[in-house]
Amino acid sequence: MRKAFVVASSLLLVAFALQFVFAAVGAFTKPAGGDGSYALHSITGMAVIPALTVLCTALALLSRAPGKVVGLAILPLGVVLLQVLLAALANALTDDAGATTPVGLVVGGLHAVNGIVAVHLVVGLVRAARRLAAPAAAASPAAPAGPASSAGPASPAVPAGPASSTASASSASPTASASPAAPASSGELGRA
């Protein structure tokens, strides 16, 4: 289920990235403002992204993701709703002749900025999904390194550098058997 969450969140990221391409297609279509010039942008933003967001949220819940990850999975839906509101408001802010007003241009610019924020949110979601799916794969290589590093100088399998040869020569002394860290001390090296 966690791998499916990674795949779905990655598809969501691709959909958001394609939104910029589809917006450019609409912006550069001649004649400008044709009915179908922003069709791909609208369909992706109003249907594909919300569907993928709901799928990501369901997969996050089924993967038993932490609450923050589930919240991050549902957040793009709110961003999309804000996108729709910003686009509608930008289109509504026209003058009597139907030309875009400066305020409408600012709101239209916020639509673009909100899209950038959405991409960053989804990048965070993909990273969280990958971290959630990674522990099973990452735990096995890290397990052998854990005990050796936590054992420190007390482990006989870990050489202590130049002191390891003196440790074997002085292992019969009472000081070496009383403290495992004693052979690595500078006082013990001086006596050997």
N, C-alpha and C. Protein backbone atom coordinates (compact mmCIF):
# COMPACT_ATOMS: atom_id res chain seq x y z
N MET A 1 0.83 -1.19 0.00
CA MET A 1 0.00 0.00 0.00
C MET A 1 0.88 1.26 0.00
N ARG A 2 2.01 1.17 0.69
CA ARG A 2 2.88 2.35 0.77
C ARG A 2 3.54 2.65 -0.57
N LYS A 3 3.85 1.63 -1.33
CA LYS A 3 4.41 1.87 -2.68
C LYS A 3 3.36 2.50 -3.58
N ALA A 4 2.11 2.07 -3.43
CA ALA A 4 1.03 2.67 -4.20
C ALA A 4 0.87 4.14 -3.83
N PHE A 5 1.08 4.46 -2.56
CA PHE A 5 1.03 5.86 -2.11
C PHE A 5 2.13 6.67 -2.77
N VAL A 6 3.32 6.10 -2.90
CA VAL A 6 4.43 6.79 -3.57
C VAL A 6 4.08 7.03 -5.04
N VAL A 7 3.54 6.00 -5.70
CA VAL A 7 3.19 6.12 -7.11
C VAL A 7 2.10 7.18 -7.31
N ALA A 8 1.05 7.12 -6.50
CA ALA A 8 -0.06 8.07 -6.63
C ALA A 8 0.40 9.50 -6.36
N SER A 9 1.23 9.70 -5.34
CA SER A 9 1.71 11.05 -5.05
C SER A 9 2.64 11.55 -6.16
N SER A 10 3.40 10.65 -6.75
CA SER A 10 4.26 11.04 -7.88
C SER A 10 3.41 11.43 -9.10
N LEU A 11 2.33 10.69 -9.34
CA LEU A 11 1.42 11.04 -10.43
C LEU A 11 0.76 12.40 -10.17
N LEU A 12 0.45 12.67 -8.92
CA LEU A 12 -0.11 13.97 -8.56
C LEU A 12 0.89 15.09 -8.86
N LEU A 13 2.14 14.85 -8.57
CA LEU A 13 3.18 15.84 -8.88
C LEU A 13 3.29 16.07 -10.38
N VAL A 14 3.23 15.00 -11.15
CA VAL A 14 3.28 15.12 -12.61
C VAL A 14 2.07 15.93 -13.11
N ALA A 15 0.89 15.65 -12.55
CA ALA A 15 -0.31 16.39 -12.95
C ALA A 15 -0.17 17.88 -12.66
N PHE A 16 0.39 18.21 -11.50
CA PHE A 16 0.59 19.62 -11.17
C PHE A 16 1.61 20.26 -12.10
N ALA A 17 2.67 19.54 -12.43
CA ALA A 17 3.68 20.09 -13.34
C ALA A 17 3.07 20.30 -14.74
N LEU A 18 2.23 19.36 -15.17
CA LEU A 18 1.57 19.52 -16.47
C LEU A 18 0.63 20.71 -16.51
N GLN A 19 0.11 21.11 -15.35
CA GLN A 19 -0.77 22.26 -15.31
C GLN A 19 -0.07 23.51 -15.87
N PHE A 20 1.21 23.65 -15.61
CA PHE A 20 1.94 24.81 -16.13
C PHE A 20 2.06 24.72 -17.65
N VAL A 21 2.27 23.52 -18.16
CA VAL A 21 2.34 23.32 -19.61
C VAL A 21 0.98 23.63 -20.23
N PHE A 22 -0.09 23.12 -19.63
CA PHE A 22 -1.43 23.34 -20.17
C PHE A 22 -1.83 24.81 -20.08
N ALA A 23 -1.40 25.50 -19.06
CA ALA A 23 -1.67 26.94 -18.95
C ALA A 23 -0.95 27.69 -20.07
N ALA A 24 0.27 27.29 -20.37
CA ALA A 24 1.02 27.93 -21.45
C ALA A 24 0.36 27.64 -22.80
N VAL A 25 -0.15 26.42 -22.97
CA VAL A 25 -0.87 26.10 -24.21
C VAL A 25 -2.06 27.04 -24.37
N GLY A 26 -2.79 27.24 -23.26
CA GLY A 26 -3.93 28.16 -23.32
C GLY A 26 -3.52 29.59 -23.57
N ALA A 27 -2.42 30.01 -22.97
CA ALA A 27 -1.99 31.39 -23.11
C ALA A 27 -1.47 31.69 -24.51
N PHE A 28 -0.85 30.70 -25.15
CA PHE A 28 -0.24 30.94 -26.46
C PHE A 28 -1.10 30.45 -27.63
N THR A 29 -2.30 29.99 -27.36
CA THR A 29 -3.20 29.57 -28.44
C THR A 29 -3.71 30.81 -29.17
N LYS A 30 -3.69 30.76 -30.48
CA LYS A 30 -4.18 31.86 -31.31
C LYS A 30 -5.45 31.41 -32.00
N PRO A 31 -6.49 32.13 -32.05
CA PRO A 31 -6.69 33.42 -31.41
C PRO A 31 -6.84 33.27 -29.91
N ALA A 32 -6.38 34.24 -29.20
CA ALA A 32 -6.39 34.21 -27.74
C ALA A 32 -7.81 34.18 -27.21
N GLY A 33 -7.98 33.48 -26.12
CA GLY A 33 -9.27 33.46 -25.44
C GLY A 33 -10.30 32.55 -26.09
N GLY A 34 -9.86 31.66 -26.96
CA GLY A 34 -10.80 30.72 -27.55
C GLY A 34 -11.39 29.82 -26.49
N ASP A 35 -12.56 29.27 -26.77
CA ASP A 35 -13.26 28.46 -25.78
C ASP A 35 -12.45 27.26 -25.31
N GLY A 36 -11.73 26.62 -26.19
CA GLY A 36 -11.01 25.41 -25.81
C GLY A 36 -9.55 25.61 -25.49
N SER A 37 -9.09 26.86 -25.43
CA SER A 37 -7.66 27.09 -25.25
C SER A 37 -7.15 26.64 -23.87
N TYR A 38 -8.00 26.71 -22.88
CA TYR A 38 -7.61 26.29 -21.53
C TYR A 38 -8.30 24.99 -21.11
N ALA A 39 -8.79 24.22 -22.05
CA ALA A 39 -9.55 23.00 -21.73
C ALA A 39 -8.69 21.99 -20.97
N LEU A 40 -7.49 21.73 -21.44
CA LEU A 40 -6.62 20.77 -20.75
C LEU A 40 -6.30 21.25 -19.34
N HIS A 41 -6.04 22.52 -19.20
CA HIS A 41 -5.74 23.12 -17.89
C HIS A 41 -6.94 22.98 -16.95
N SER A 42 -8.12 23.24 -17.48
CA SER A 42 -9.34 23.15 -16.66
C SER A 42 -9.66 21.72 -16.27
N ILE A 43 -9.59 20.80 -17.21
CA ILE A 43 -9.92 19.40 -16.91
C ILE A 43 -8.94 18.83 -15.88
N THR A 44 -7.67 19.11 -16.07
CA THR A 44 -6.67 18.59 -15.13
C THR A 44 -6.86 19.19 -13.75
N GLY A 45 -7.12 20.48 -13.70
CA GLY A 45 -7.27 21.16 -12.40
C GLY A 45 -8.57 20.86 -11.69
N MET A 46 -9.64 20.61 -12.46
CA MET A 46 -10.95 20.42 -11.83
C MET A 46 -11.34 18.94 -11.68
N ALA A 47 -10.65 18.04 -12.36
CA ALA A 47 -11.03 16.63 -12.27
C ALA A 47 -9.86 15.72 -11.90
N VAL A 48 -8.77 15.81 -12.65
CA VAL A 48 -7.66 14.87 -12.46
C VAL A 48 -6.97 15.11 -11.12
N ILE A 49 -6.62 16.34 -10.83
CA ILE A 49 -5.91 16.64 -9.57
C ILE A 49 -6.77 16.34 -8.35
N PRO A 50 -8.04 16.75 -8.32
CA PRO A 50 -8.86 16.37 -7.16
C PRO A 50 -9.00 14.85 -7.00
N ALA A 51 -9.15 14.12 -8.10
CA ALA A 51 -9.25 12.66 -8.01
C ALA A 51 -7.96 12.05 -7.47
N LEU A 52 -6.82 12.52 -7.96
CA LEU A 52 -5.54 12.01 -7.46
C LEU A 52 -5.32 12.40 -6.00
N THR A 53 -5.80 13.57 -5.61
CA THR A 53 -5.66 14.00 -4.21
C THR A 53 -6.47 13.11 -3.29
N VAL A 54 -7.70 12.78 -3.69
CA VAL A 54 -8.53 11.89 -2.88
C VAL A 54 -7.88 10.50 -2.82
N LEU A 55 -7.33 10.03 -3.95
CA LEU A 55 -6.65 8.74 -3.98
C LEU A 55 -5.44 8.75 -3.04
N CYS A 56 -4.64 9.81 -3.09
CA CYS A 56 -3.46 9.92 -2.22
C CYS A 56 -3.87 9.93 -0.75
N THR A 57 -4.94 10.63 -0.44
CA THR A 57 -5.41 10.68 0.94
C THR A 57 -5.86 9.30 1.40
N ALA A 58 -6.60 8.59 0.57
CA ALA A 58 -7.04 7.23 0.91
C ALA A 58 -5.85 6.30 1.09
N LEU A 59 -4.87 6.40 0.21
CA LEU A 59 -3.69 5.54 0.32
C LEU A 59 -2.86 5.91 1.55
N ALA A 60 -2.81 7.18 1.89
CA ALA A 60 -2.09 7.58 3.11
C ALA A 60 -2.77 6.99 4.33
N LEU A 61 -4.09 7.02 4.35
CA LEU A 61 -4.83 6.42 5.48
C LEU A 61 -4.63 4.92 5.53
N LEU A 62 -4.70 4.26 4.37
CA LEU A 62 -4.51 2.80 4.33
C LEU A 62 -3.07 2.39 4.65
N SER A 63 -2.14 3.28 4.38
CA SER A 63 -0.73 3.01 4.71
C SER A 63 -0.42 3.30 6.17
N ARG A 64 -1.42 3.76 6.91
CA ARG A 64 -1.26 4.14 8.31
C ARG A 64 -0.18 5.20 8.49
N ALA A 65 -0.25 6.18 7.61
CA ALA A 65 0.68 7.29 7.66
C ALA A 65 0.35 8.17 8.87
N PRO A 66 1.34 8.88 9.39
CA PRO A 66 1.07 9.82 10.48
C PRO A 66 0.08 10.90 10.05
N GLY A 67 -0.57 11.51 11.01
CA GLY A 67 -1.58 12.52 10.73
C GLY A 67 -1.07 13.67 9.87
N LYS A 68 0.18 14.07 10.07
CA LYS A 68 0.74 15.16 9.28
C LYS A 68 0.82 14.79 7.80
N VAL A 69 1.14 13.55 7.52
CA VAL A 69 1.23 13.09 6.13
C VAL A 69 -0.16 13.02 5.51
N VAL A 70 -1.13 12.55 6.28
CA VAL A 70 -2.51 12.50 5.78
C VAL A 70 -3.00 13.93 5.51
N GLY A 71 -2.69 14.85 6.40
CA GLY A 71 -3.05 16.25 6.18
C GLY A 71 -2.38 16.83 4.95
N LEU A 72 -1.12 16.47 4.74
CA LEU A 72 -0.40 16.93 3.56
C LEU A 72 -0.99 16.32 2.30
N ALA A 73 -1.55 15.12 2.40
CA ALA A 73 -2.16 14.46 1.25
C ALA A 73 -3.47 15.13 0.84
N ILE A 74 -4.24 15.63 1.80
CA ILE A 74 -5.52 16.26 1.49
C ILE A 74 -5.37 17.74 1.16
N LEU A 75 -4.26 18.35 1.55
CA LEU A 75 -4.05 19.79 1.37
C LEU A 75 -4.12 20.24 -0.10
N PRO A 76 -3.64 19.48 -1.08
CA PRO A 76 -3.77 19.94 -2.47
C PRO A 76 -5.21 20.19 -2.90
N LEU A 77 -6.16 19.49 -2.30
CA LEU A 77 -7.56 19.73 -2.65
C LEU A 77 -7.98 21.15 -2.25
N GLY A 78 -7.55 21.60 -1.09
CA GLY A 78 -7.82 22.98 -0.67
C GLY A 78 -7.13 23.99 -1.56
N VAL A 79 -5.91 23.67 -1.98
CA VAL A 79 -5.17 24.57 -2.86
C VAL A 79 -5.88 24.67 -4.22
N VAL A 80 -6.42 23.55 -4.70
CA VAL A 80 -7.15 23.57 -5.97
C VAL A 80 -8.42 24.42 -5.84
N LEU A 81 -9.11 24.30 -4.71
CA LEU A 81 -10.30 25.14 -4.50
C LEU A 81 -9.94 26.62 -4.50
N LEU A 82 -8.81 26.95 -3.88
CA LEU A 82 -8.35 28.33 -3.89
C LEU A 82 -7.99 28.75 -5.32
N GLN A 83 -7.42 27.85 -6.11
CA GLN A 83 -7.08 28.14 -7.50
C GLN A 83 -8.33 28.52 -8.29
N VAL A 84 -9.39 27.75 -8.10
CA VAL A 84 -10.64 28.01 -8.82
C VAL A 84 -11.19 29.38 -8.42
N LEU A 85 -11.16 29.66 -7.12
CA LEU A 85 -11.65 30.97 -6.65
C LEU A 85 -10.81 32.12 -7.21
N LEU A 86 -9.50 31.95 -7.23
CA LEU A 86 -8.63 33.00 -7.76
C LEU A 86 -8.87 33.21 -9.25
N ALA A 87 -9.04 32.14 -10.00
CA ALA A 87 -9.28 32.26 -11.45
C ALA A 87 -10.62 32.93 -11.71
N ALA A 88 -11.64 32.54 -10.95
CA ALA A 88 -12.96 33.15 -11.14
C ALA A 88 -12.94 34.63 -10.78
N LEU A 89 -12.25 34.96 -9.69
CA LEU A 89 -12.17 36.35 -9.27
C LEU A 89 -11.37 37.18 -10.27
N ALA A 90 -10.29 36.63 -10.80
CA ALA A 90 -9.49 37.34 -11.79
C ALA A 90 -10.30 37.60 -13.05
N ASN A 91 -11.11 36.62 -13.45
CA ASN A 91 -11.95 36.81 -14.64
C ASN A 91 -13.09 37.80 -14.38
N ALA A 92 -13.55 37.87 -13.15
CA ALA A 92 -14.66 38.77 -12.81
C ALA A 92 -14.21 40.22 -12.68
N LEU A 93 -12.94 40.42 -12.40
CA LEU A 93 -12.44 41.79 -12.19
C LEU A 93 -12.08 42.43 -13.53
N THR A 94 -13.10 42.82 -14.23
CA THR A 94 -12.92 43.50 -15.51
C THR A 94 -13.62 44.86 -15.45
N ASP A 95 -13.24 45.72 -16.36
CA ASP A 95 -13.91 47.03 -16.40
C ASP A 95 -15.17 46.94 -17.26
N ASP A 96 -15.81 48.08 -17.50
CA ASP A 96 -17.07 48.10 -18.25
C ASP A 96 -16.91 47.61 -19.69
N ALA A 97 -15.73 47.77 -20.25
CA ALA A 97 -15.49 47.35 -21.63
C ALA A 97 -15.10 45.87 -21.71
N GLY A 98 -14.92 45.23 -20.57
CA GLY A 98 -14.54 43.82 -20.54
C GLY A 98 -13.04 43.58 -20.48
N ALA A 99 -12.26 44.64 -20.35
CA ALA A 99 -10.81 44.51 -20.26
C ALA A 99 -10.41 44.19 -18.82
N THR A 100 -9.33 43.47 -18.67
CA THR A 100 -8.84 43.10 -17.36
C THR A 100 -8.33 44.34 -16.63
N THR A 101 -8.67 44.44 -15.37
CA THR A 101 -8.21 45.56 -14.55
C THR A 101 -6.88 45.22 -13.90
N PRO A 102 -6.18 46.22 -13.39
CA PRO A 102 -4.93 45.92 -12.68
C PRO A 102 -5.14 44.99 -11.48
N VAL A 103 -6.26 45.14 -10.79
CA VAL A 103 -6.54 44.25 -9.67
C VAL A 103 -6.76 42.83 -10.17
N GLY A 104 -7.43 42.70 -11.30
CA GLY A 104 -7.63 41.39 -11.90
C GLY A 104 -6.32 40.73 -12.29
N LEU A 105 -5.38 41.53 -12.77
CA LEU A 105 -4.06 41.00 -13.12
C LEU A 105 -3.31 40.52 -11.88
N VAL A 106 -3.43 41.27 -10.78
CA VAL A 106 -2.78 40.85 -9.53
C VAL A 106 -3.38 39.53 -9.04
N VAL A 107 -4.69 39.44 -9.08
CA VAL A 107 -5.34 38.20 -8.64
C VAL A 107 -4.96 37.04 -9.57
N GLY A 108 -4.86 37.32 -10.87
CA GLY A 108 -4.40 36.30 -11.82
C GLY A 108 -2.96 35.87 -11.52
N GLY A 109 -2.15 36.83 -11.11
CA GLY A 109 -0.77 36.49 -10.70
C GLY A 109 -0.76 35.63 -9.45
N LEU A 110 -1.68 35.88 -8.53
CA LEU A 110 -1.78 35.05 -7.33
C LEU A 110 -2.19 33.62 -7.69
N HIS A 111 -2.96 33.49 -8.77
CA HIS A 111 -3.33 32.16 -9.25
C HIS A 111 -2.06 31.39 -9.63
N ALA A 112 -1.13 32.05 -10.29
CA ALA A 112 0.13 31.41 -10.67
C ALA A 112 0.99 31.10 -9.45
N VAL A 113 1.07 32.05 -8.52
CA VAL A 113 1.86 31.85 -7.31
C VAL A 113 1.29 30.68 -6.49
N ASN A 114 -0.03 30.61 -6.40
CA ASN A 114 -0.67 29.51 -5.68
C ASN A 114 -0.35 28.17 -6.35
N GLY A 115 -0.24 28.17 -7.67
CA GLY A 115 0.16 26.95 -8.38
C GLY A 115 1.57 26.51 -8.01
N ILE A 116 2.45 27.48 -7.85
CA ILE A 116 3.83 27.16 -7.44
C ILE A 116 3.84 26.60 -6.02
N VAL A 117 3.05 27.20 -5.14
CA VAL A 117 2.94 26.70 -3.77
C VAL A 117 2.40 25.27 -3.78
N ALA A 118 1.43 25.02 -4.64
CA ALA A 118 0.84 23.67 -4.74
C ALA A 118 1.89 22.64 -5.14
N VAL A 119 2.73 23.01 -6.10
CA VAL A 119 3.79 22.08 -6.52
C VAL A 119 4.73 21.78 -5.36
N HIS A 120 5.08 22.78 -4.60
CA HIS A 120 5.97 22.56 -3.44
C HIS A 120 5.31 21.68 -2.39
N LEU A 121 4.03 21.86 -2.18
CA LEU A 121 3.31 20.99 -1.24
C LEU A 121 3.33 19.53 -1.70
N VAL A 122 3.13 19.34 -2.99
CA VAL A 122 3.10 17.97 -3.51
C VAL A 122 4.51 17.36 -3.52
N VAL A 123 5.53 18.17 -3.73
CA VAL A 123 6.90 17.65 -3.59
C VAL A 123 7.12 17.16 -2.16
N GLY A 124 6.64 17.91 -1.18
CA GLY A 124 6.73 17.46 0.21
C GLY A 124 5.94 16.18 0.44
N LEU A 125 4.80 16.05 -0.21
CA LEU A 125 4.00 14.83 -0.10
C LEU A 125 4.73 13.63 -0.69
N VAL A 126 5.35 13.82 -1.84
CA VAL A 126 6.11 12.72 -2.46
C VAL A 126 7.26 12.31 -1.55
N ARG A 127 7.95 13.27 -0.99
CA ARG A 127 9.06 12.95 -0.07
C ARG A 127 8.56 12.20 1.16
N ALA A 128 7.43 12.65 1.70
CA ALA A 128 6.87 11.98 2.88
C ALA A 128 6.43 10.55 2.53
N ALA A 129 5.85 10.38 1.36
CA ALA A 129 5.43 9.04 0.93
C ALA A 129 6.64 8.13 0.75
N ARG A 130 7.71 8.67 0.20
CA ARG A 130 8.94 7.87 0.02
C ARG A 130 9.55 7.50 1.36
N ARG A 131 9.56 8.44 2.31
CA ARG A 131 10.09 8.13 3.64
C ARG A 131 9.24 7.07 4.32
N LEU A 132 7.94 7.13 4.12
CA LEU A 132 7.03 6.17 4.72
C LEU A 132 7.25 4.78 4.13
N ALA A 133 7.55 4.72 2.85
CA ALA A 133 7.77 3.43 2.19
C ALA A 133 9.18 2.91 2.40
N ALA A 134 10.12 3.75 2.82
CA ALA A 134 11.53 3.39 2.91
C ALA A 134 11.93 2.58 4.15
N PRO A 135 11.30 2.67 5.32
CA PRO A 135 11.84 2.01 6.50
C PRO A 135 12.10 0.52 6.34
N ALA A 136 11.28 -0.21 5.61
CA ALA A 136 11.51 -1.64 5.44
C ALA A 136 12.80 -1.90 4.68
N ALA A 137 13.08 -1.08 3.69
CA ALA A 137 14.30 -1.27 2.91
C ALA A 137 15.52 -0.68 3.62
N ALA A 138 15.36 0.41 4.32
CA ALA A 138 16.48 1.08 4.95
C ALA A 138 16.85 0.46 6.30
N ALA A 139 15.95 -0.24 6.95
CA ALA A 139 16.23 -0.78 8.28
C ALA A 139 17.21 -1.94 8.22
N SER A 140 17.15 -2.77 7.20
CA SER A 140 18.03 -3.93 7.16
C SER A 140 19.50 -3.57 6.97
N PRO A 141 19.91 -2.65 6.08
CA PRO A 141 21.33 -2.31 5.99
C PRO A 141 21.83 -1.56 7.22
N ALA A 142 20.98 -0.79 7.88
CA ALA A 142 21.42 -0.01 9.02
C ALA A 142 21.53 -0.86 10.29
N ALA A 143 20.85 -1.99 10.34
CA ALA A 143 20.84 -2.81 11.55
C ALA A 143 22.22 -3.35 11.92
N PRO A 144 23.03 -3.89 10.99
CA PRO A 144 24.34 -4.36 11.40
C PRO A 144 25.26 -3.24 11.87
N ALA A 145 25.11 -2.05 11.31
CA ALA A 145 25.99 -0.95 11.72
C ALA A 145 25.62 -0.42 13.09
N GLY A 146 24.37 -0.56 13.49
CA GLY A 146 23.90 -0.01 14.75
C GLY A 146 24.60 -0.58 15.97
N PRO A 147 24.62 -1.91 16.19
CA PRO A 147 25.26 -2.45 17.39
C PRO A 147 26.75 -2.19 17.45
N ALA A 148 27.45 -2.24 16.33
CA ALA A 148 28.90 -2.01 16.35
C ALA A 148 29.21 -0.57 16.73
N SER A 149 28.40 0.38 16.22
CA SER A 149 28.68 1.77 16.54
C SER A 149 28.23 2.10 17.96
N SER A 150 27.17 1.45 18.45
CA SER A 150 26.72 1.76 19.80
C SER A 150 27.58 1.08 20.85
N ALA A 151 28.26 0.00 20.48
CA ALA A 151 29.10 -0.71 21.44
C ALA A 151 30.35 0.10 21.76
N GLY A 152 30.81 0.87 20.80
CA GLY A 152 31.95 1.75 21.02
C GLY A 152 33.21 0.99 21.34
N PRO A 153 34.10 1.53 22.20
CA PRO A 153 35.39 0.91 22.48
C PRO A 153 35.27 -0.36 23.31
N ALA A 154 34.10 -0.65 23.90
CA ALA A 154 33.97 -1.84 24.72
C ALA A 154 33.90 -3.10 23.87
N SER A 155 33.63 -2.97 22.58
CA SER A 155 33.51 -4.13 21.71
C SER A 155 34.90 -4.64 21.34
N PRO A 156 35.19 -5.94 21.55
CA PRO A 156 36.50 -6.46 21.18
C PRO A 156 36.69 -6.55 19.68
N ALA A 157 35.60 -6.54 18.88
CA ALA A 157 35.73 -6.66 17.44
C ALA A 157 36.12 -5.34 16.80
N VAL A 158 35.96 -4.23 17.49
CA VAL A 158 36.29 -2.93 16.94
C VAL A 158 37.72 -2.59 17.32
N PRO A 159 38.62 -2.49 16.33
CA PRO A 159 40.00 -2.16 16.66
C PRO A 159 40.09 -0.72 17.15
N ALA A 160 40.95 -0.49 18.10
CA ALA A 160 41.12 0.83 18.69
C ALA A 160 42.34 1.53 18.13
N GLY A 161 42.70 1.24 16.91
CA GLY A 161 43.85 1.87 16.29
C GLY A 161 45.14 1.26 16.80
N PRO A 162 46.19 2.06 17.04
CA PRO A 162 47.48 1.55 17.51
C PRO A 162 47.38 0.91 18.89
N ALA A 163 46.40 1.27 19.64
CA ALA A 163 46.28 0.72 20.98
C ALA A 163 45.81 -0.72 20.97
N SER A 164 45.26 -1.21 19.84
CA SER A 164 44.75 -2.57 19.82
C SER A 164 45.87 -3.59 19.96
N SER A 165 47.06 -3.31 19.47
CA SER A 165 48.16 -4.26 19.65
C SER A 165 48.64 -4.24 21.10
N THR A 166 48.63 -3.10 21.75
CA THR A 166 49.04 -3.06 23.14
C THR A 166 47.97 -3.63 24.05
N ALA A 167 46.70 -3.58 23.58
CA ALA A 167 45.63 -4.13 24.40
C ALA A 167 45.79 -5.64 24.53
N SER A 168 46.19 -6.30 23.46
CA SER A 168 46.35 -7.74 23.55
C SER A 168 47.59 -8.09 24.38
N ALA A 169 48.61 -7.24 24.35
CA ALA A 169 49.80 -7.51 25.14
C ALA A 169 49.55 -7.25 26.62
N SER A 170 48.68 -6.32 26.95
CA SER A 170 48.45 -5.98 28.34
C SER A 170 47.13 -6.53 28.86
N SER A 171 46.52 -7.48 28.16
CA SER A 171 45.23 -7.98 28.59
C SER A 171 45.32 -8.75 29.90
N ALA A 172 46.51 -9.18 30.28
CA ALA A 172 46.65 -9.90 31.55
C ALA A 172 46.71 -8.95 32.73
N SER A 173 46.92 -7.65 32.51
CA SER A 173 47.02 -6.72 33.62
C SER A 173 45.65 -6.49 34.23
N PRO A 174 45.56 -6.24 35.52
CA PRO A 174 44.28 -6.01 36.17
C PRO A 174 43.60 -4.74 35.67
N THR A 175 44.34 -3.74 35.22
CA THR A 175 43.74 -2.51 34.74
C THR A 175 42.95 -2.75 33.47
N ALA A 176 43.47 -3.57 32.55
CA ALA A 176 42.82 -3.84 31.28
C ALA A 176 41.53 -4.62 31.48
N SER A 177 41.50 -5.54 32.44
CA SER A 177 40.29 -6.33 32.62
C SER A 177 39.24 -5.56 33.41
N ALA A 178 39.65 -4.59 34.22
CA ALA A 178 38.69 -3.83 35.01
C ALA A 178 37.91 -2.83 34.16
N SER A 179 38.55 -2.23 33.18
CA SER A 179 37.90 -1.22 32.35
C SER A 179 38.17 -1.51 30.88
N PRO A 180 37.16 -1.76 30.08
CA PRO A 180 37.40 -2.05 28.67
C PRO A 180 37.96 -0.86 27.92
N ALA A 181 37.75 0.36 28.39
CA ALA A 181 38.26 1.54 27.71
C ALA A 181 39.71 1.84 28.08
N ALA A 182 40.25 1.17 29.09
CA ALA A 182 41.60 1.46 29.57
C ALA A 182 42.68 1.25 28.52
N PRO A 183 42.64 0.22 27.66
CA PRO A 183 43.72 0.07 26.69
C PRO A 183 43.81 1.23 25.71
N ALA A 184 42.72 1.94 25.48
CA ALA A 184 42.76 3.05 24.53
C ALA A 184 43.23 4.33 25.19
N SER A 185 43.40 4.37 26.51
CA SER A 185 43.83 5.60 27.17
C SER A 185 45.30 5.84 26.91
N SER A 186 45.72 7.08 27.03
CA SER A 186 47.13 7.42 26.75
C SER A 186 48.03 6.88 27.85
N GLY A 187 47.56 6.74 29.08
CA GLY A 187 48.37 6.19 30.16
C GLY A 187 48.71 4.73 29.89
N GLU A 188 47.79 3.96 29.39
CA GLU A 188 48.04 2.56 29.09
C GLU A 188 48.98 2.41 27.92
N LEU A 189 48.89 3.31 26.93
CA LEU A 189 49.80 3.25 25.79
C LEU A 189 51.23 3.53 26.23
N GLY A 190 51.40 4.41 27.19
CA GLY A 190 52.74 4.73 27.67
C GLY A 190 53.37 3.59 28.43
N ARG A 191 52.59 2.76 29.12
CA ARG A 191 53.13 1.64 29.89
C ARG A 191 53.49 0.47 29.00
N ALA A 192 52.92 0.36 27.84
CA ALA A 192 53.14 -0.81 26.98
C ALA A 192 54.41 -0.72 26.28
